[in-house]
Amino acid sequence: KNRKDARQYILRDLADDLHVLIATKAPKAPVFDLPHESNLA
């Protein structure tokens, strides 16, 4: 929103779980396969 890079730190357990999630994803692939914006809520 502020047009600046954001570096957000996370806990190690979440990092480990995300490691598993992205293991087979391409470098430019989305981390999360999110539904359409209208379905998020």
Full PDB file with SEQRES, HELIX, SHEET, SSBOND, CRYST1, ORIGX, SCALE, CONECT and MASTER records, all heavy atoms in Angstrom:
SEQRES   1 A   41  LYS ASN ARG LYS ASP ALA ARG GLN TYR ILE LEU ARG ASP          
SEQRES   2 A   41  LEU ALA ASP ASP LEU HIS VAL LEU ILE ALA THR LYS ALA          
SEQRES   3 A   41  PRO LYS ALA PRO VAL PHE ASP LEU PRO HIS GLU SER ASN          
SEQRES   4 A   41  LEU ALA                                                      
HELIX    1 AA1 ARG A   12  ILE A   22  1                                  11    
HELIX    2 AA2 GLU A   37  LEU A   40  1                                   4    
CRYST1    1.000    1.000    1.000  90.00  90.00  90.00 P 1           1          
ORIGX1      1.000000  0.000000  0.000000        0.00000                         
ORIGX2      0.000000  1.000000  0.000000        0.00000                         
ORIGX3      0.000000  0.000000  1.000000        0.00000                         
SCALE1      1.000000  0.000000  0.000000        0.00000                         
SCALE2      0.000000  1.000000  0.000000        0.00000                         
SCALE3      0.000000  0.000000  1.000000        0.00000                         
ATOM      1  N   LYS A   1       0.815  -1.211   0.000  1.00  0.00           N  
ATOM      2  CA  LYS A   1       0.000   0.000   0.000  1.00  0.00           C  
ATOM      3  C   LYS A   1       0.848   1.261   0.000  1.00  0.00           C  
ATOM      4  O   LYS A   1       0.512   2.260  -0.641  1.00  0.00           O  
ATOM      5  CB  LYS A   1      -0.929  -0.009   1.219  1.00  0.00           C  
ATOM      6  CG  LYS A   1      -1.957   1.103   1.226  1.00  0.00           C  
ATOM      7  CD  LYS A   1      -2.909   0.950   2.391  1.00  0.00           C  
ATOM      8  CE  LYS A   1      -3.965   2.053   2.372  1.00  0.00           C  
ATOM      9  NZ  LYS A   1      -4.931   1.905   3.501  1.00  0.00           N  
ATOM     10  N   ASN A   2       1.980   1.235   0.714  1.00  0.00           N  
ATOM     11  CA  ASN A   2       2.829   2.425   0.786  1.00  0.00           C  
ATOM     12  C   ASN A   2       3.905   2.463  -0.292  1.00  0.00           C  
ATOM     13  O   ASN A   2       4.770   3.332  -0.293  1.00  0.00           O  
ATOM     14  CB  ASN A   2       3.470   2.540   2.176  1.00  0.00           C  
ATOM     15  CG  ASN A   2       4.395   1.368   2.500  1.00  0.00           C  
ATOM     16  OD1 ASN A   2       4.620   0.486   1.663  1.00  0.00           O  
ATOM     17  ND2 ASN A   2       4.923   1.352   3.709  1.00  0.00           N  
ATOM     18  N   ARG A   3       3.856   1.486  -1.208  1.00  0.00           N  
ATOM     19  CA  ARG A   3       4.798   1.422  -2.333  1.00  0.00           C  
ATOM     20  C   ARG A   3       6.248   1.313  -1.885  1.00  0.00           C  
ATOM     21  O   ARG A   3       7.162   1.853  -2.516  1.00  0.00           O  
ATOM     22  CB  ARG A   3       4.615   2.630  -3.266  1.00  0.00           C  
ATOM     23  CG  ARG A   3       3.251   2.705  -3.913  1.00  0.00           C  
ATOM     24  CD  ARG A   3       2.916   1.427  -4.635  1.00  0.00           C  
ATOM     25  NE  ARG A   3       1.569   1.422  -5.199  1.00  0.00           N  
ATOM     26  CZ  ARG A   3       0.958   0.344  -5.684  1.00  0.00           C  
ATOM     27  NH1 ARG A   3       1.596  -0.824  -5.664  1.00  0.00           N  
ATOM     28  NH2 ARG A   3      -0.254   0.407  -6.194  1.00  0.00           N  
ATOM     29  N   LYS A   4       6.443   0.604  -0.791  1.00  0.00           N  
ATOM     30  CA  LYS A   4       7.795   0.333  -0.308  1.00  0.00           C  
ATOM     31  C   LYS A   4       7.929  -1.165  -0.064  1.00  0.00           C  
ATOM     32  O   LYS A   4       6.962  -1.823   0.316  1.00  0.00           O  
ATOM     33  CB  LYS A   4       8.074   1.087   0.994  1.00  0.00           C  
ATOM     34  CG  LYS A   4       8.060   2.605   0.864  1.00  0.00           C  
ATOM     35  CD  LYS A   4       8.332   3.253   2.211  1.00  0.00           C  
ATOM     36  CE  LYS A   4       8.303   4.779   2.104  1.00  0.00           C  
ATOM     37  NZ  LYS A   4       8.551   5.418   3.427  1.00  0.00           N  
ATOM     38  N   ASP A   5       9.138  -1.697  -0.296  1.00  0.00           N  
ATOM     39  CA  ASP A   5       9.361  -3.105   0.012  1.00  0.00           C  
ATOM     40  C   ASP A   5       9.081  -3.352   1.490  1.00  0.00           C  
ATOM     41  O   ASP A   5       9.424  -2.526   2.348  1.00  0.00           O  
ATOM     42  CB  ASP A   5      10.810  -3.501  -0.292  1.00  0.00           C  
ATOM     43  CG  ASP A   5      11.075  -3.657  -1.780  1.00  0.00           C  
ATOM     44  OD1 ASP A   5      10.121  -3.506  -2.564  1.00  0.00           O  
ATOM     45  OD2 ASP A   5      12.233  -3.927  -2.145  1.00  0.00           O  
ATOM     46  N   ALA A   6       8.458  -4.487   1.774  1.00  0.00           N  
ATOM     47  CA  ALA A   6       8.162  -4.842   3.163  1.00  0.00           C  
ATOM     48  C   ALA A   6       8.885  -6.133   3.513  1.00  0.00           C  
ATOM     49  O   ALA A   6       8.731  -7.139   2.822  1.00  0.00           O  
ATOM     50  CB  ALA A   6       6.661  -5.011   3.355  1.00  0.00           C  
ATOM     51  N   ARG A   7       9.703  -6.085   4.565  1.00  0.00           N  
ATOM     52  CA  ARG A   7      10.366  -7.299   5.067  1.00  0.00           C  
ATOM     53  C   ARG A   7       9.686  -7.665   6.375  1.00  0.00           C  
ATOM     54  O   ARG A   7       9.797  -6.951   7.373  1.00  0.00           O  
ATOM     55  CB  ARG A   7      11.856  -7.074   5.284  1.00  0.00           C  
ATOM     56  CG  ARG A   7      12.536  -8.297   5.902  1.00  0.00           C  
ATOM     57  CD  ARG A   7      14.000  -8.055   6.223  1.00  0.00           C  
ATOM     58  NE  ARG A   7      14.823  -7.986   5.019  1.00  0.00           N  
ATOM     59  CZ  ARG A   7      16.143  -8.186   5.016  1.00  0.00           C  
ATOM     60  NH1 ARG A   7      16.775  -8.477   6.149  1.00  0.00           N  
ATOM     61  NH2 ARG A   7      16.828  -8.089   3.896  1.00  0.00           N  
ATOM     62  N   GLN A   8       8.972  -8.787   6.367  1.00  0.00           N  
ATOM     63  CA  GLN A   8       8.217  -9.217   7.537  1.00  0.00           C  
ATOM     64  C   GLN A   8       8.790 -10.536   8.064  1.00  0.00           C  
ATOM     65  O   GLN A   8       8.843 -11.533   7.339  1.00  0.00           O  
ATOM     66  CB  GLN A   8       6.745  -9.407   7.171  1.00  0.00           C  
ATOM     67  CG  GLN A   8       6.092  -8.183   6.520  1.00  0.00           C  
ATOM     68  CD  GLN A   8       6.085  -6.957   7.401  1.00  0.00           C  
ATOM     69  OE1 GLN A   8       6.940  -6.090   7.264  1.00  0.00           O  
ATOM     70  NE2 GLN A   8       5.147  -6.896   8.327  1.00  0.00           N  
ATOM     71  N   TYR A   9       9.200 -10.538   9.322  1.00  0.00           N  
ATOM     72  CA  TYR A   9       9.812 -11.715   9.926  1.00  0.00           C  
ATOM     73  C   TYR A   9       8.740 -12.696  10.411  1.00  0.00           C  
ATOM     74  O   TYR A   9       7.647 -12.289  10.817  1.00  0.00           O  
ATOM     75  CB  TYR A   9      10.717 -11.306  11.092  1.00  0.00           C  
ATOM     76  CG  TYR A   9      11.943 -10.562  10.630  1.00  0.00           C  
ATOM     77  CD1 TYR A   9      11.963  -9.167  10.602  1.00  0.00           C  
ATOM     78  CD2 TYR A   9      13.072 -11.247  10.193  1.00  0.00           C  
ATOM     79  CE1 TYR A   9      13.075  -8.479  10.155  1.00  0.00           C  
ATOM     80  CE2 TYR A   9      14.194 -10.571   9.752  1.00  0.00           C  
ATOM     81  CZ  TYR A   9      14.191  -9.185   9.726  1.00  0.00           C  
ATOM     82  OH  TYR A   9      15.295  -8.507   9.266  1.00  0.00           O  
ATOM     83  N   ILE A  10       9.062 -13.977  10.347  1.00  0.00           N  
ATOM     84  CA  ILE A  10       8.132 -15.021  10.765  1.00  0.00           C  
ATOM     85  C   ILE A  10       8.838 -15.986  11.704  1.00  0.00           C  
ATOM     86  O   ILE A  10      10.072 -16.003  11.779  1.00  0.00           O  
ATOM     87  CB  ILE A  10       7.559 -15.798   9.560  1.00  0.00           C  
ATOM     88  CG1 ILE A  10       8.691 -16.446   8.753  1.00  0.00           C  
ATOM     89  CG2 ILE A  10       6.714 -14.888   8.682  1.00  0.00           C  
ATOM     90  CD1 ILE A  10       8.209 -17.332   7.612  1.00  0.00           C  
ATOM     91  N   LEU A  11       8.062 -16.789  12.414  1.00  0.00           N  
ATOM     92  CA  LEU A  11       8.628 -17.764  13.338  1.00  0.00           C  
ATOM     93  C   LEU A  11       9.167 -18.973  12.577  1.00  0.00           C  
ATOM     94  O   LEU A  11       8.730 -19.284  11.475  1.00  0.00           O  
ATOM     95  CB  LEU A  11       7.566 -18.205  14.346  1.00  0.00           C  
ATOM     96  CG  LEU A  11       7.008 -17.091  15.254  1.00  0.00           C  
ATOM     97  CD1 LEU A  11       5.933 -17.655  16.170  1.00  0.00           C  
ATOM     98  CD2 LEU A  11       8.123 -16.445  16.069  1.00  0.00           C  
ATOM     99  N   ARG A  12      10.102 -19.668  13.201  1.00  0.00           N  
ATOM    100  CA  ARG A  12      10.765 -20.792  12.553  1.00  0.00           C  
ATOM    101  C   ARG A  12       9.796 -21.906  12.178  1.00  0.00           C  
ATOM    102  O   ARG A  12       9.918 -22.512  11.122  1.00  0.00           O  
ATOM    103  CB  ARG A  12      11.872 -21.324  13.471  1.00  0.00           C  
ATOM    104  CG  ARG A  12      12.535 -22.617  13.028  1.00  0.00           C  
ATOM    105  CD  ARG A  12      13.132 -22.512  11.628  1.00  0.00           C  
ATOM    106  NE  ARG A  12      14.166 -21.492  11.552  1.00  0.00           N  
ATOM    107  CZ  ARG A  12      14.730 -21.110  10.410  1.00  0.00           C  
ATOM    108  NH1 ARG A  12      14.331 -21.656   9.266  1.00  0.00           N  
ATOM    109  NH2 ARG A  12      15.673 -20.175  10.404  1.00  0.00           N  
ATOM    110  N   ASP A  13       8.795 -22.188  13.035  1.00  0.00           N  
ATOM    111  CA  ASP A  13       7.882 -23.289  12.712  1.00  0.00           C  
ATOM    112  C   ASP A  13       7.075 -22.993  11.456  1.00  0.00           C  
ATOM    113  O   ASP A  13       6.833 -23.877  10.634  1.00  0.00           O  
ATOM    114  CB  ASP A  13       6.961 -23.604  13.895  1.00  0.00           C  
ATOM    115  CG  ASP A  13       6.054 -22.440  14.263  1.00  0.00           C  
ATOM    116  OD1 ASP A  13       6.386 -21.290  13.941  1.00  0.00           O  
ATOM    117  OD2 ASP A  13       4.992 -22.684  14.879  1.00  0.00           O  
ATOM    118  N   LEU A  14       6.670 -21.731  11.280  1.00  0.00           N  
ATOM    119  CA  LEU A  14       5.957 -21.353  10.058  1.00  0.00           C  
ATOM    120  C   LEU A  14       6.889 -21.448   8.859  1.00  0.00           C  
ATOM    121  O   LEU A  14       6.491 -21.921   7.785  1.00  0.00           O  
ATOM    122  CB  LEU A  14       5.393 -19.942  10.179  1.00  0.00           C  
ATOM    123  CG  LEU A  14       4.727 -19.371   8.919  1.00  0.00           C  
ATOM    124  CD1 LEU A  14       3.599 -20.272   8.430  1.00  0.00           C  
ATOM    125  CD2 LEU A  14       4.202 -17.955   9.187  1.00  0.00           C  
ATOM    126  N   ALA A  15       8.130 -21.024   9.021  1.00  0.00           N  
ATOM    127  CA  ALA A  15       9.110 -21.110   7.931  1.00  0.00           C  
ATOM    128  C   ALA A  15       9.294 -22.553   7.485  1.00  0.00           C  
ATOM    129  O   ALA A  15       9.348 -22.847   6.275  1.00  0.00           O  
ATOM    130  CB  ALA A  15      10.442 -20.512   8.382  1.00  0.00           C  
ATOM    131  N   ASP A  16       9.364 -23.467   8.433  1.00  0.00           N  
ATOM    132  CA  ASP A  16       9.532 -24.887   8.095  1.00  0.00           C  
ATOM    133  C   ASP A  16       8.327 -25.414   7.329  1.00  0.00           C  
ATOM    134  O   ASP A  16       8.470 -26.170   6.350  1.00  0.00           O  
ATOM    135  CB  ASP A  16       9.743 -25.708   9.370  1.00  0.00           C  
ATOM    136  CG  ASP A  16      11.080 -25.410  10.042  1.00  0.00           C  
ATOM    137  OD1 ASP A  16      11.970 -24.858   9.374  1.00  0.00           O  
ATOM    138  OD2 ASP A  16      11.219 -25.737  11.240  1.00  0.00           O  
ATOM    139  N   ASP A  17       7.133 -25.013   7.752  1.00  0.00           N  
ATOM    140  CA  ASP A  17       5.916 -25.468   7.068  1.00  0.00           C  
ATOM    141  C   ASP A  17       5.819 -24.880   5.664  1.00  0.00           C  
ATOM    142  O   ASP A  17       5.390 -25.554   4.719  1.00  0.00           O  
ATOM    143  CB  ASP A  17       4.676 -25.080   7.886  1.00  0.00           C  
ATOM    144  CG  ASP A  17       4.556 -25.873   9.182  1.00  0.00           C  
ATOM    145  OD1 ASP A  17       5.168 -26.950   9.266  1.00  0.00           O  
ATOM    146  OD2 ASP A  17       3.849 -25.403  10.093  1.00  0.00           O  
ATOM    147  N   LEU A  18       6.219 -23.617   5.512  1.00  0.00           N  
ATOM    148  CA  LEU A  18       6.201 -22.995   4.187  1.00  0.00           C  
ATOM    149  C   LEU A  18       7.226 -23.640   3.272  1.00  0.00           C  
ATOM    150  O   LEU A  18       7.015 -23.739   2.053  1.00  0.00           O  
ATOM    151  CB  LEU A  18       6.474 -21.490   4.310  1.00  0.00           C  
ATOM    152  CG  LEU A  18       5.349 -20.641   4.902  1.00  0.00           C  
ATOM    153  CD1 LEU A  18       5.810 -19.205   5.123  1.00  0.00           C  
ATOM    154  CD2 LEU A  18       4.112 -20.653   3.986  1.00  0.00           C  
ATOM    155  N   HIS A  19       8.326 -24.097   3.841  1.00  0.00           N  
ATOM    156  CA  HIS A  19       9.360 -24.793   3.076  1.00  0.00           C  
ATOM    157  C   HIS A  19       8.752 -26.016   2.390  1.00  0.00           C  
ATOM    158  O   HIS A  19       9.011 -26.287   1.210  1.00  0.00           O  
ATOM    159  CB  HIS A  19      10.493 -25.231   4.007  1.00  0.00           C  
ATOM    160  CG  HIS A  19      11.853 -24.876   3.505  1.00  0.00           C  
ATOM    161  ND1 HIS A  19      12.291 -25.164   2.229  1.00  0.00           N  
ATOM    162  CD2 HIS A  19      12.897 -24.227   4.105  1.00  0.00           C  
ATOM    163  CE1 HIS A  19      13.512 -24.735   2.072  1.00  0.00           C  
ATOM    164  NE2 HIS A  19      13.910 -24.150   3.193  1.00  0.00           N  
ATOM    165  N   VAL A  20       7.956 -26.739   3.128  1.00  0.00           N  
ATOM    166  CA  VAL A  20       7.310 -27.938   2.583  1.00  0.00           C  
ATOM    167  C   VAL A  20       6.306 -27.543   1.501  1.00  0.00           C  
ATOM    168  O   VAL A  20       6.217 -28.179   0.447  1.00  0.00           O  
ATOM    169  CB  VAL A  20       6.601 -28.725   3.703  1.00  0.00           C  
ATOM    170  CG1 VAL A  20       5.831 -29.905   3.124  1.00  0.00           C  
ATOM    171  CG2 VAL A  20       7.614 -29.215   4.729  1.00  0.00           C  
ATOM    172  N   LEU A  21       5.549 -26.477   1.750  1.00  0.00           N  
ATOM    173  CA  LEU A  21       4.520 -26.044   0.805  1.00  0.00           C  
ATOM    174  C   LEU A  21       5.100 -25.666  -0.550  1.00  0.00           C  
ATOM    175  O   LEU A  21       4.537 -26.010  -1.600  1.00  0.00           O  
ATOM    176  CB  LEU A  21       3.751 -24.858   1.386  1.00  0.00           C  
ATOM    177  CG  LEU A  21       2.680 -24.227   0.485  1.00  0.00           C  
ATOM    178  CD1 LEU A  21       1.530 -25.203   0.248  1.00  0.00           C  
ATOM    179  CD2 LEU A  21       2.159 -22.931   1.096  1.00  0.00           C  
ATOM    180  N   ILE A  22       6.236 -24.971  -0.560  1.00  0.00           N  
ATOM    181  CA  ILE A  22       6.782 -24.454  -1.821  1.00  0.00           C  
ATOM    182  C   ILE A  22       7.817 -25.390  -2.454  1.00  0.00           C  
ATOM    183  O   ILE A  22       8.381 -25.062  -3.501  1.00  0.00           O  
ATOM    184  CB  ILE A  22       7.422 -23.069  -1.612  1.00  0.00           C  
ATOM    185  CG1 ILE A  22       8.663 -23.184  -0.708  1.00  0.00           C  
ATOM    186  CG2 ILE A  22       6.414 -22.079  -1.046  1.00  0.00           C  
ATOM    187  CD1 ILE A  22       9.472 -21.900  -0.605  1.00  0.00           C  
ATOM    188  N   ALA A  23       8.047 -26.538  -1.845  1.00  0.00           N  
ATOM    189  CA  ALA A  23       9.119 -27.442  -2.306  1.00  0.00           C  
ATOM    190  C   ALA A  23       9.012 -27.780  -3.788  1.00  0.00           C  
ATOM    191  O   ALA A  23      10.032 -27.903  -4.474  1.00  0.00           O  
ATOM    192  CB  ALA A  23       9.110 -28.711  -1.460  1.00  0.00           C  
ATOM    193  N   THR A  24       7.809 -27.925  -4.294  1.00  0.00           N  
ATOM    194  CA  THR A  24       7.630 -28.329  -5.690  1.00  0.00           C  
ATOM    195  C   THR A  24       7.160 -27.181  -6.582  1.00  0.00           C  
ATOM    196  O   THR A  24       6.789 -27.399  -7.733  1.00  0.00           O  
ATOM    197  CB  THR A  24       6.620 -29.484  -5.771  1.00  0.00           C  
ATOM    198  OG1 THR A  24       5.368 -29.062  -5.212  1.00  0.00           O  
ATOM    199  CG2 THR A  24       7.124 -30.699  -5.015  1.00  0.00           C  
ATOM    200  N   LYS A  25       7.157 -25.970  -6.049  1.00  0.00           N  
ATOM    201  CA  LYS A  25       6.690 -24.820  -6.827  1.00  0.00           C  
ATOM    202  C   LYS A  25       7.833 -24.161  -7.592  1.00  0.00           C  
ATOM    203  O   LYS A  25       8.976 -24.150  -7.135  1.00  0.00           O  
ATOM    204  CB  LYS A  25       6.018 -23.785  -5.907  1.00  0.00           C  
ATOM    205  CG  LYS A  25       4.705 -24.237  -5.281  1.00  0.00           C  
ATOM    206  CD  LYS A  25       4.130 -23.135  -4.386  1.00  0.00           C  
ATOM    207  CE  LYS A  25       2.806 -23.552  -3.753  1.00  0.00           C  
ATOM    208  NZ  LYS A  25       1.701 -23.515  -4.715  1.00  0.00           N  
ATOM    209  N   ALA A  26       7.522 -23.590  -8.738  1.00  0.00           N  
ATOM    210  CA  ALA A  26       8.513 -22.839  -9.513  1.00  0.00           C  
ATOM    211  C   ALA A  26       8.826 -21.532  -8.781  1.00  0.00           C  
ATOM    212  O   ALA A  26       7.995 -21.034  -8.023  1.00  0.00           O  
ATOM    213  CB  ALA A  26       7.964 -22.542 -10.908  1.00  0.00           C  
ATOM    214  N   PRO A  27      10.028 -20.955  -8.997  1.00  0.00           N  
ATOM    215  CA  PRO A  27      10.419 -19.728  -8.286  1.00  0.00           C  
ATOM    216  C   PRO A  27       9.426 -18.581  -8.406  1.00  0.00           C  
ATOM    217  O   PRO A  27       9.270 -17.807  -7.469  1.00  0.00           O  
ATOM    218  CB  PRO A  27      11.755 -19.374  -8.941  1.00  0.00           C  
ATOM    219  CG  PRO A  27      12.306 -20.683  -9.389  1.00  0.00           C  
ATOM    220  CD  PRO A  27      11.098 -21.474  -9.843  1.00  0.00           C  
ATOM    221  N   LYS A  28       8.758 -18.462  -9.548  1.00  0.00           N  
ATOM    222  CA  LYS A  28       7.828 -17.354  -9.739  1.00  0.00           C  
ATOM    223  C   LYS A  28       6.370 -17.740  -9.505  1.00  0.00           C  
ATOM    224  O   LYS A  28       5.474 -16.923  -9.701  1.00  0.00           O  
ATOM    225  CB  LYS A  28       7.986 -16.776 -11.147  1.00  0.00           C  
ATOM    226  CG  LYS A  28       9.349 -16.126 -11.385  1.00  0.00           C  
ATOM    227  CD  LYS A  28       9.421 -15.483 -12.763  1.00  0.00           C  
ATOM    228  CE  LYS A  28      10.771 -14.799 -12.974  1.00  0.00           C  
ATOM    229  NZ  LYS A  28      10.865 -14.160 -14.320  1.00  0.00           N  
ATOM    230  N   ALA A  29       6.155 -18.961  -9.071  1.00  0.00           N  
ATOM    231  CA  ALA A  29       4.787 -19.422  -8.811  1.00  0.00           C  
ATOM    232  C   ALA A  29       4.269 -18.812  -7.506  1.00  0.00           C  
ATOM    233  O   ALA A  29       5.034 -18.586  -6.567  1.00  0.00           O  
ATOM    234  CB  ALA A  29       4.755 -20.936  -8.714  1.00  0.00           C  
ATOM    235  N   PRO A  30       2.967 -18.518  -7.418  1.00  0.00           N  
ATOM    236  CA  PRO A  30       2.397 -17.984  -6.177  1.00  0.00           C  
ATOM    237  C   PRO A  30       2.603 -18.959  -5.027  1.00  0.00           C  
ATOM    238  O   PRO A  30       2.523 -20.171  -5.213  1.00  0.00           O  
ATOM    239  CB  PRO A  30       0.913 -17.817  -6.511  1.00  0.00           C  
ATOM    240  CG  PRO A  30       0.857 -17.737  -8.001  1.00  0.00           C  
ATOM    241  CD  PRO A  30       1.955 -18.627  -8.490  1.00  0.00           C  
ATOM    242  N   VAL A  31       2.885 -18.426  -3.856  1.00  0.00           N  
ATOM    243  CA  VAL A  31       3.031 -19.270  -2.669  1.00  0.00           C  
ATOM    244  C   VAL A  31       1.694 -19.913  -2.321  1.00  0.00           C  
ATOM    245  O   VAL A  31       1.606 -21.107  -2.033  1.00  0.00           O  
ATOM    246  CB  VAL A  31       3.542 -18.443  -1.478  1.00  0.00           C  
ATOM    247  CG1 VAL A  31       3.512 -19.284  -0.184  1.00  0.00           C  
ATOM    248  CG2 VAL A  31       4.951 -17.938  -1.743  1.00  0.00           C  
ATOM    249  N   PHE A  32       0.633 -19.102  -2.376  1.00  0.00           N  
ATOM    250  CA  PHE A  32      -0.702 -19.579  -2.033  1.00  0.00           C  
ATOM    251  C   PHE A  32      -1.612 -19.575  -3.253  1.00  0.00           C  
ATOM    252  O   PHE A  32      -1.670 -18.590  -3.994  1.00  0.00           O  
ATOM    253  CB  PHE A  32      -1.326 -18.693  -0.947  1.00  0.00           C  
ATOM    254  CG  PHE A  32      -0.540 -18.644   0.336  1.00  0.00           C  
ATOM    255  CD1 PHE A  32       0.148 -17.492   0.696  1.00  0.00           C  
ATOM    256  CD2 PHE A  32      -0.484 -19.749   1.170  1.00  0.00           C  
ATOM    257  CE1 PHE A  32       0.872 -17.434   1.884  1.00  0.00           C  
ATOM    258  CE2 PHE A  32       0.240 -19.709   2.358  1.00  0.00           C  
ATOM    259  CZ  PHE A  32       0.917 -18.556   2.713  1.00  0.00           C  
ATOM    260  N   ASP A  33      -2.317 -20.677  -3.452  1.00  0.00           N  
ATOM    261  CA  ASP A  33      -3.288 -20.752  -4.546  1.00  0.00           C  
ATOM    262  C   ASP A  33      -4.612 -20.190  -4.047  1.00  0.00           C  
ATOM    263  O   ASP A  33      -5.557 -20.921  -3.729  1.00  0.00           O  
ATOM    264  CB  ASP A  33      -3.458 -22.211  -4.997  1.00  0.00           C  
ATOM    265  CG  ASP A  33      -2.181 -22.763  -5.615  1.00  0.00           C  
ATOM    266  OD1 ASP A  33      -1.497 -21.994  -6.318  1.00  0.00           O  
ATOM    267  OD2 ASP A  33      -1.870 -23.948  -5.392  1.00  0.00           O  
ATOM    268  N   LEU A  34      -4.672 -18.867  -3.965  1.00  0.00           N  
ATOM    269  CA  LEU A  34      -5.839 -18.211  -3.387  1.00  0.00           C  
ATOM    270  C   LEU A  34      -7.032 -18.223  -4.333  1.00  0.00           C  
ATOM    271  O   LEU A  34      -6.877 -18.108  -5.553  1.00  0.00           O  
ATOM    272  CB  LEU A  34      -5.503 -16.764  -3.028  1.00  0.00           C  
ATOM    273  CG  LEU A  34      -4.435 -16.543  -1.962  1.00  0.00           C  
ATOM    274  CD1 LEU A  34      -4.245 -15.059  -1.700  1.00  0.00           C  
ATOM    275  CD2 LEU A  34      -4.812 -17.245  -0.676  1.00  0.00           C  
ATOM    276  N   PRO A  35      -8.234 -18.330  -3.770  1.00  0.00           N  
ATOM    277  CA  PRO A  35      -9.441 -18.236  -4.593  1.00  0.00           C  
ATOM    278  C   PRO A  35      -9.658 -16.790  -5.025  1.00  0.00           C  
ATOM    279  O   PRO A  35      -8.907 -15.882  -4.621  1.00  0.00           O  
ATOM    280  CB  PRO A  35     -10.545 -18.701  -3.639  1.00  0.00           C  
ATOM    281  CG  PRO A  35     -10.031 -18.346  -2.280  1.00  0.00           C  
ATOM    282  CD  PRO A  35      -8.541 -18.579  -2.362  1.00  0.00           C  
ATOM    283  N   HIS A  36     -10.687 -16.556  -5.805  1.00  0.00           N  
ATOM    284  CA  HIS A  36     -11.017 -15.196  -6.235  1.00  0.00           C  
ATOM    285  C   HIS A  36     -11.231 -14.323  -5.006  1.00  0.00           C  
ATOM    286  O   HIS A  36     -11.668 -14.783  -3.950  1.00  0.00           O  
ATOM    287  CB  HIS A  36     -12.290 -15.209  -7.097  1.00  0.00           C  
ATOM    288  CG  HIS A  36     -12.615 -13.877  -7.698  1.00  0.00           C  
ATOM    289  ND1 HIS A  36     -13.383 -12.933  -7.053  1.00  0.00           N  
ATOM    290  CD2 HIS A  36     -12.263 -13.331  -8.890  1.00  0.00           C  
ATOM    291  CE1 HIS A  36     -13.503 -11.863  -7.817  1.00  0.00           C  
ATOM    292  NE2 HIS A  36     -12.830 -12.077  -8.939  1.00  0.00           N  
ATOM    293  N   GLU A  37     -10.914 -13.036  -5.142  1.00  0.00           N  
ATOM    294  CA  GLU A  37     -11.015 -12.094  -4.028  1.00  0.00           C  
ATOM    295  C   GLU A  37     -12.377 -12.157  -3.336  1.00  0.00           C  
ATOM    296  O   GLU A  37     -12.466 -12.054  -2.112  1.00  0.00           O  
ATOM    297  CB  GLU A  37     -10.765 -10.664  -4.546  1.00  0.00           C  
ATOM    298  CG  GLU A  37     -10.634  -9.618  -3.458  1.00  0.00           C  
ATOM    299  CD  GLU A  37      -9.357  -9.739  -2.654  1.00  0.00           C  
ATOM    300  OE1 GLU A  37      -8.360 -10.231  -3.211  1.00  0.00           O  
ATOM    301  OE2 GLU A  37      -9.359  -9.337  -1.473  1.00  0.00           O  
ATOM    302  N   SER A  38     -13.429 -12.325  -4.118  1.00  0.00           N  
ATOM    303  CA  SER A  38     -14.779 -12.345  -3.548  1.00  0.00           C  
ATOM    304  C   SER A  38     -15.034 -13.561  -2.670  1.00  0.00           C  
ATOM    305  O   SER A  38     -15.967 -13.580  -1.867  1.00  0.00           O  
ATOM    306  CB  SER A  38     -15.828 -12.296  -4.670  1.00  0.00           C  
ATOM    307  OG  SER A  38     -15.707 -13.440  -5.513  1.00  0.00           O  
ATOM    308  N   ASN A  39     -14.191 -14.603  -2.805  1.00  0.00           N  
ATOM    309  CA  ASN A  39     -14.396 -15.828  -2.029  1.00  0.00           C  
ATOM    310  C   ASN A  39     -13.469 -15.934  -0.810  1.00  0.00           C  
ATOM    311  O   ASN A  39     -13.619 -16.859  -0.008  1.00  0.00           O  
ATOM    312  CB  ASN A  39     -14.183 -17.060  -2.915  1.00  0.00           C  
ATOM    313  CG  ASN A  39     -15.335 -17.270  -3.873  1.00  0.00           C  
ATOM    314  OD1 ASN A  39     -16.479 -16.957  -3.564  1.00  0.00           O  
ATOM    315  ND2 ASN A  39     -15.038 -17.792  -5.060  1.00  0.00           N  
ATOM    316  N   LEU A  40     -12.531 -14.996  -0.672  1.00  0.00           N  
ATOM    317  CA  LEU A  40     -11.607 -15.060   0.454  1.00  0.00           C  
ATOM    318  C   LEU A  40     -12.340 -14.939   1.789  1.00  0.00           C  
ATOM    319  O   LEU A  40     -12.106 -15.716   2.716  1.00  0.00           O  
ATOM    320  CB  LEU A  40     -10.558 -13.953   0.339  1.00  0.00           C  
ATOM    321  CG  LEU A  40      -9.331 -14.252  -0.515  1.00  0.00           C  
ATOM    322  CD1 LEU A  40      -8.447 -13.014  -0.614  1.00  0.00           C  
ATOM    323  CD2 LEU A  40      -8.543 -15.424   0.046  1.00  0.00           C  
ATOM    324  N   ALA A  41     -13.221 -13.953   1.882  1.00  0.00           N  
ATOM    325  CA  ALA A  41     -13.975 -13.769   3.127  1.00  0.00           C  
ATOM    326  C   ALA A  41     -14.897 -14.954   3.377  1.00  0.00           C  
ATOM    327  O   ALA A  41     -15.038 -15.408   4.520  1.00  0.00           O  
ATOM    328  CB  ALA A  41     -14.776 -12.473   3.071  1.00  0.00           C  
TER     329      ALA A  41                                                      
MASTER        0    0    0    2    0    0    0    6  328    1    0    4          
END                                                                             
